Amino acid sequence: MQVKAWLKGALAELKRAEGVVYADARYLEGETERITVRNEEVVGLSRAETKGYGIRVLYRGSWGFAASGLLTEGSVRETARRALDIAKASYRTQRSPVRLDDTPPQVGTYRSPWVEDPLAVPLDEKLELLFSPCRS
């Protein structure tokens, strides 16, 4: 996926900037579905897919964070610059610097442990389940 390569490049650039002690990024993808029923009538139905990333920067002991859902190389670079700008602004009002310990950075993936994909269940089955308490 190109976004992850762009994030790696932006992090490498951040880490070369003077005063930057640490930088990391997180990329997330998610799908949601909402069904609202009232008195055996569907009053709301929506489905959405989201993708986005966040970038954290530690500049001279002060954190900066920025996030975006725009998945272009230019927006990744701009988000990284914004995170650094926020860290620099935080530095100006810093009372005591953040100090990281020597724990190595973690890399991983999490997937929900569902047995059946809830988004693959047909809508009529979901509605039957939602309407059934009204029929008891």
Protein backbone atom coordinates (compact mmCIF):
# COMPACT_ATOMS: atom_id res chain seq x y z
CA MET A 1 0.00 0.00 0.00
CA GLN A 2 1.42 3.36 -1.05
CA VAL A 3 0.25 5.25 2.06
CA LYS A 4 2.50 3.15 4.30
CA ALA A 5 5.50 3.89 2.07
CA TRP A 6 4.66 7.61 2.15
CA LEU A 7 4.41 7.46 5.96
CA LYS A 8 7.83 5.77 6.19
CA GLY A 9 9.32 8.47 3.99
CA ALA A 10 7.73 11.26 6.06
CA LEU A 11 9.03 9.68 9.28
CA ALA A 12 12.54 9.40 7.87
CA GLU A 13 12.41 13.09 6.92
CA LEU A 14 11.12 14.07 10.38
CA LYS A 15 13.83 12.09 12.14
CA ARG A 16 16.48 14.05 10.19
CA ALA A 17 15.06 17.39 11.39
CA GLU A 18 17.05 19.17 14.08
CA GLY A 19 15.62 18.69 17.56
CA VAL A 20 13.43 15.69 16.67
CA VAL A 21 14.06 12.88 19.14
CA TYR A 22 11.29 10.51 18.05
CA ALA A 23 8.55 10.19 15.42
CA ASP A 24 5.99 7.50 14.68
CA ALA A 25 2.89 6.94 12.59
CA ARG A 26 -0.24 4.86 12.85
CA TYR A 27 -2.42 3.87 9.89
CA LEU A 28 -5.97 2.65 10.50
CA GLU A 29 -8.75 1.23 8.36
CA GLY A 30 -12.24 0.47 9.59
CA GLU A 31 -15.76 -0.36 8.48
CA THR A 32 -18.92 0.39 10.41
CA GLU A 33 -22.60 -0.26 9.93
CA ARG A 34 -25.45 1.33 11.86
CA ILE A 35 -29.02 0.13 11.85
CA THR A 36 -31.65 1.94 13.91
CA VAL A 37 -35.11 0.42 14.28
CA ARG A 38 -38.17 1.64 16.12
CA ASN A 39 -41.42 -0.33 16.40
CA GLU A 40 -40.38 -2.77 13.68
CA GLU A 41 -39.48 0.05 11.31
CA VAL A 42 -36.03 0.96 10.05
CA VAL A 43 -35.44 4.62 10.88
CA GLY A 44 -31.73 4.73 10.11
CA LEU A 45 -29.30 2.71 8.03
CA SER A 46 -25.72 3.60 7.15
CA ARG A 47 -22.46 1.93 6.28
CA ALA A 48 -19.06 3.61 6.17
CA GLU A 49 -15.44 2.78 5.49
CA THR A 50 -12.75 4.96 7.04
CA LYS A 51 -9.04 5.19 6.41
CA GLY A 52 -6.60 7.55 8.00
CA TYR A 53 -3.33 8.04 9.80
CA GLY A 54 -1.80 9.94 12.66
CA ILE A 55 1.77 11.16 13.10
CA ARG A 56 3.44 11.88 16.46
CA VAL A 57 6.66 13.84 16.86
CA LEU A 58 8.77 14.45 19.94
CA TYR A 59 10.70 17.70 19.45
CA ARG A 60 13.10 18.72 22.22
CA GLY A 61 10.91 17.01 24.79
CA SER A 62 7.51 18.26 23.53
CA TRP A 63 4.88 16.26 21.67
CA GLY A 64 3.16 17.22 18.45
CA PHE A 65 0.38 15.24 16.78
CA ALA A 66 -1.52 15.59 13.52
CA ALA A 67 -3.91 13.28 11.68
CA SER A 68 -5.62 13.13 8.31
CA GLY A 69 -7.85 10.99 6.18
CA LEU A 70 -6.43 12.38 2.93
CA LEU A 71 -4.47 9.58 1.31
CA THR A 72 -2.04 11.39 -0.96
CA GLU A 73 1.72 11.74 -0.71
CA GLY A 74 1.40 15.51 -0.41
CA SER A 75 -1.09 15.29 2.44
CA VAL A 76 1.11 12.80 4.32
CA ARG A 77 4.04 15.21 4.07
CA GLU A 78 1.86 18.16 5.12
CA THR A 79 0.49 16.20 8.10
CA ALA A 80 4.06 15.38 9.18
CA ARG A 81 5.01 19.08 8.92
CA ARG A 82 1.91 20.02 10.94
CA ALA A 83 2.82 17.51 13.67
CA LEU A 84 6.31 19.02 13.86
CA ASP A 85 4.92 22.57 13.94
CA ILE A 86 2.62 21.60 16.82
CA ALA A 87 5.55 20.03 18.70
CA LYS A 88 7.59 23.21 18.20
CA ALA A 89 4.69 25.32 19.50
CA SER A 90 4.37 23.00 22.50
CA TYR A 91 8.09 23.39 23.14
CA ARG A 92 7.66 27.15 23.58
CA THR A 93 5.39 26.57 26.60
CA GLN A 94 7.13 23.46 27.93
CA ARG A 95 7.53 23.21 31.71
CA SER A 96 9.45 19.95 31.79
CA PRO A 97 10.59 17.86 28.83
CA VAL A 98 9.22 14.41 28.04
CA ARG A 99 11.91 11.75 28.25
CA LEU A 100 11.41 8.40 26.57
CA ASP A 101 12.83 5.24 28.08
CA ASP A 102 14.79 2.66 26.08
CA THR A 103 11.84 0.35 25.31
CA PRO A 104 12.10 -0.61 21.63
CA PRO A 105 9.28 0.61 19.34
CA GLN A 106 6.49 -1.90 18.76
CA VAL A 107 5.10 -2.87 15.37
CA GLY A 108 1.95 -4.88 15.03
CA THR A 109 -1.47 -5.52 13.60
CA TYR A 110 -4.74 -6.16 15.40
CA ARG A 111 -7.78 -7.86 13.96
CA SER A 112 -10.97 -8.35 15.89
CA PRO A 113 -11.48 -12.04 16.82
CA TRP A 114 -14.93 -12.40 15.24
CA VAL A 115 -15.98 -15.80 13.92
CA GLU A 116 -18.43 -14.50 11.34
CA ASP A 117 -17.91 -11.17 9.60
CA PRO A 118 -20.84 -9.06 10.84
CA LEU A 119 -20.73 -6.94 7.69
CA ALA A 120 -21.26 -10.07 5.56
CA VAL A 121 -24.50 -11.05 7.34
CA PRO A 122 -27.42 -10.26 5.01
CA LEU A 123 -29.45 -7.20 5.99
CA ASP A 124 -32.72 -9.15 6.23
CA GLU A 125 -31.15 -11.47 8.86
CA LYS A 126 -29.98 -8.49 10.88
CA LEU A 127 -33.40 -6.85 10.70
CA GLU A 128 -35.13 -10.06 11.79
CA LEU A 129 -32.85 -10.20 14.80
CA LEU A 130 -33.56 -6.55 15.64
CA PHE A 131 -37.34 -6.88 15.18
CA SER A 132 -37.70 -10.14 17.13
CA PRO A 133 -37.90 -8.54 20.64
CA CYS A 134 -40.97 -6.57 19.49
CA ARG A 135 -42.74 -9.83 18.59
CA SER A 136 -42.26 -11.53 21.96
